[in-house]
Amino acid sequence: MSLGPGAEVQLRYNPSAFSVGIGVDATFHSVDGTETDVTLAGGFIEPRYVIFVGSETIAPYISARGAISETEVKTEEGTATATGYTLNGGGGLLFVLGSRANIDVGATLGFKDVGVAEFPSGTFDLGTGSNLILRVGLAVGLGG
């Protein structure tokens, strides 16, 4: 699969330096040398711990992510879906913009099981492997 763009939306509970986020994400890929398109979409949970470094403008963090995703594969012979999972670990940096806004730059590396799909020509295990997720986004705090 080629590298692909994606998007995510996440809600995060921040009682302390430890926080937990839940969200949904989707990524879009092609398979080199074919007319195949692959979409991965699903939900995740992401615990995170912010490391205090004495700065009011930057905060490093460590994180983990577990996800369940549906893989949709569109080929010339049809469309098939499979359910897989991801287990990742990593970290990032929060750049403080204000009392309720941060730029979040992060990366996770881990394991991906893409699942088993039913095509008209038969059942195929779509495989397993490693993945690298790079993220840049705006984090906005809501509520009291």
Protein backbone atom coordinates (compact mmCIF):
# COMPACT_ATOMS: atom_id res chain seq x y z
CA MET A 1 0.00 0.00 0.00
CA SER A 2 1.15 3.52 -0.71
CA LEU A 3 1.43 6.24 1.89
CA GLY A 4 -1.89 7.99 2.21
CA PRO A 5 -3.54 11.05 3.69
CA GLY A 6 -6.02 10.81 6.51
CA ALA A 7 -8.04 12.66 9.10
CA GLU A 8 -9.13 12.11 12.68
CA VAL A 9 -11.45 13.62 15.25
CA GLN A 10 -10.77 12.99 18.91
CA LEU A 11 -12.34 13.85 22.27
CA ARG A 12 -9.90 13.86 25.19
CA TYR A 13 -10.47 13.78 28.96
CA ASN A 14 -7.60 15.65 30.71
CA PRO A 15 -7.86 15.32 34.52
CA SER A 16 -4.07 15.67 34.98
CA ALA A 17 -0.84 14.99 33.10
CA PHE A 18 -2.48 11.65 32.22
CA SER A 19 -5.33 11.87 29.71
CA VAL A 20 -7.43 9.52 27.61
CA GLY A 21 -8.75 10.25 24.14
CA ILE A 22 -11.31 8.42 22.02
CA GLY A 23 -11.94 9.13 18.39
CA VAL A 24 -12.42 8.08 14.81
CA ASP A 25 -9.96 8.19 11.93
CA ALA A 26 -9.71 7.34 8.25
CA THR A 27 -6.82 6.99 5.79
CA PHE A 28 -6.87 6.60 2.02
CA HIS A 29 -4.36 4.58 -0.02
CA SER A 30 -3.69 3.05 -3.41
CA VAL A 31 -1.82 -0.15 -4.26
CA ASP A 32 1.15 0.54 -6.53
CA GLY A 33 0.88 -0.96 -10.01
CA THR A 34 -2.86 -1.71 -9.72
CA GLU A 35 -6.24 0.01 -9.96
CA THR A 36 -6.88 -0.83 -6.29
CA ASP A 37 -7.97 1.74 -3.69
CA VAL A 38 -7.91 1.01 0.05
CA THR A 39 -9.70 2.93 2.81
CA LEU A 40 -9.05 2.25 6.50
CA ALA A 41 -11.63 3.75 8.88
CA GLY A 42 -12.46 3.07 12.50
CA GLY A 43 -12.35 4.01 16.14
CA PHE A 44 -9.50 4.25 18.63
CA ILE A 45 -8.58 4.87 22.25
CA GLU A 46 -5.39 6.78 23.06
CA PRO A 47 -3.99 7.18 26.59
CA ARG A 48 -1.34 9.90 26.87
CA TYR A 49 1.04 11.19 29.54
CA VAL A 50 2.43 14.73 29.29
CA ILE A 51 5.98 15.07 30.64
CA PHE A 52 6.57 18.26 32.62
CA VAL A 53 9.73 20.01 31.38
CA GLY A 54 9.22 23.40 33.03
CA SER A 55 8.08 25.14 29.85
CA GLU A 56 4.88 27.14 29.34
CA THR A 57 5.12 26.88 25.53
CA ILE A 58 6.01 23.25 24.77
CA ALA A 59 5.05 19.92 26.34
CA PRO A 60 6.37 16.52 25.23
CA TYR A 61 4.18 13.46 25.70
CA ILE A 62 4.22 9.68 25.36
CA SER A 63 1.18 7.84 24.04
CA ALA A 64 -0.28 4.49 23.07
CA ARG A 65 -3.10 3.75 20.65
CA GLY A 66 -5.41 0.80 20.16
CA ALA A 67 -7.78 0.83 17.19
CA ILE A 68 -10.35 -1.30 15.41
CA SER A 69 -10.76 -0.44 11.75
CA GLU A 70 -12.71 -1.53 8.72
CA THR A 71 -10.63 -1.99 5.59
CA GLU A 72 -12.46 -1.38 2.32
CA VAL A 73 -10.67 -2.64 -0.79
CA LYS A 74 -11.97 -1.53 -4.21
CA THR A 75 -10.61 -3.56 -7.14
CA GLU A 76 -11.64 -4.14 -10.74
CA GLU A 77 -13.53 -7.26 -9.61
CA GLY A 78 -15.49 -5.52 -6.86
CA THR A 79 -15.37 -4.19 -3.33
CA ALA A 80 -14.57 -6.19 -0.20
CA THR A 81 -14.32 -5.29 3.48
CA ALA A 82 -12.37 -6.69 6.39
CA THR A 83 -12.00 -5.82 10.08
CA GLY A 84 -8.55 -5.37 11.58
CA TYR A 85 -6.78 -3.81 14.53
CA THR A 86 -3.80 -1.60 15.34
CA LEU A 87 -1.57 -1.43 18.44
CA ASN A 88 0.87 1.51 18.50
CA GLY A 89 3.14 3.44 20.84
CA GLY A 90 4.83 6.79 20.39
CA GLY A 91 4.80 10.38 21.44
CA GLY A 92 4.87 13.96 20.37
CA LEU A 93 5.01 17.61 21.25
CA LEU A 94 2.27 20.04 22.18
CA PHE A 95 2.98 23.66 21.23
CA VAL A 96 0.85 25.95 23.40
CA LEU A 97 -1.10 28.59 21.47
CA GLY A 98 -3.32 29.74 24.35
CA SER A 99 -5.20 28.53 27.42
CA ARG A 100 -7.37 26.18 25.32
CA ALA A 101 -5.44 25.61 22.09
CA ASN A 102 -2.33 23.63 21.13
CA ILE A 103 -0.62 22.48 17.98
CA ASP A 104 -0.12 18.70 18.33
CA VAL A 105 2.75 17.09 16.41
CA GLY A 106 3.04 13.36 17.03
CA ALA A 107 4.07 9.98 15.72
CA THR A 108 3.29 6.38 16.62
CA LEU A 109 4.83 3.15 15.41
CA GLY A 110 3.28 -0.27 15.79
CA PHE A 111 1.53 -3.36 14.51
CA LYS A 112 -1.38 -3.53 12.06
CA ASP A 113 -3.57 -6.55 11.22
CA VAL A 114 -5.60 -5.55 8.16
CA GLY A 115 -8.06 -8.46 8.34
CA VAL A 116 -9.59 -11.10 6.05
CA ALA A 117 -11.73 -10.03 3.06
CA GLU A 118 -14.26 -11.89 0.88
CA PHE A 119 -13.80 -11.15 -2.83
CA PRO A 120 -15.86 -12.75 -5.64
CA SER A 121 -12.79 -14.85 -6.46
CA GLY A 122 -12.27 -16.05 -2.88
CA THR A 123 -11.25 -15.22 0.67
CA PHE A 124 -7.96 -13.39 1.20
CA ASP A 125 -5.98 -12.56 4.32
CA LEU A 126 -4.98 -8.94 3.70
CA GLY A 127 -1.95 -9.34 5.93
CA THR A 128 -0.17 -7.87 8.90
CA GLY A 129 2.76 -5.56 9.31
CA SER A 130 4.13 -2.47 10.90
CA ASN A 131 2.78 1.04 10.53
CA LEU A 132 3.96 4.57 11.13
CA ILE A 133 1.40 7.28 11.79
CA LEU A 134 2.51 10.91 11.60
CA ARG A 135 0.08 13.59 12.80
CA VAL A 136 -0.06 17.37 12.87
CA GLY A 137 -3.20 18.99 14.16
CA LEU A 138 -4.94 21.64 16.18
CA ALA A 139 -6.15 20.62 19.65
CA VAL A 140 -8.94 22.82 21.05
CA GLY A 141 -10.20 22.53 24.62
CA LEU A 142 -13.95 22.75 25.20
CA GLY A 143 -16.01 23.15 28.37
CA GLY A 144 -15.43 24.63 31.83
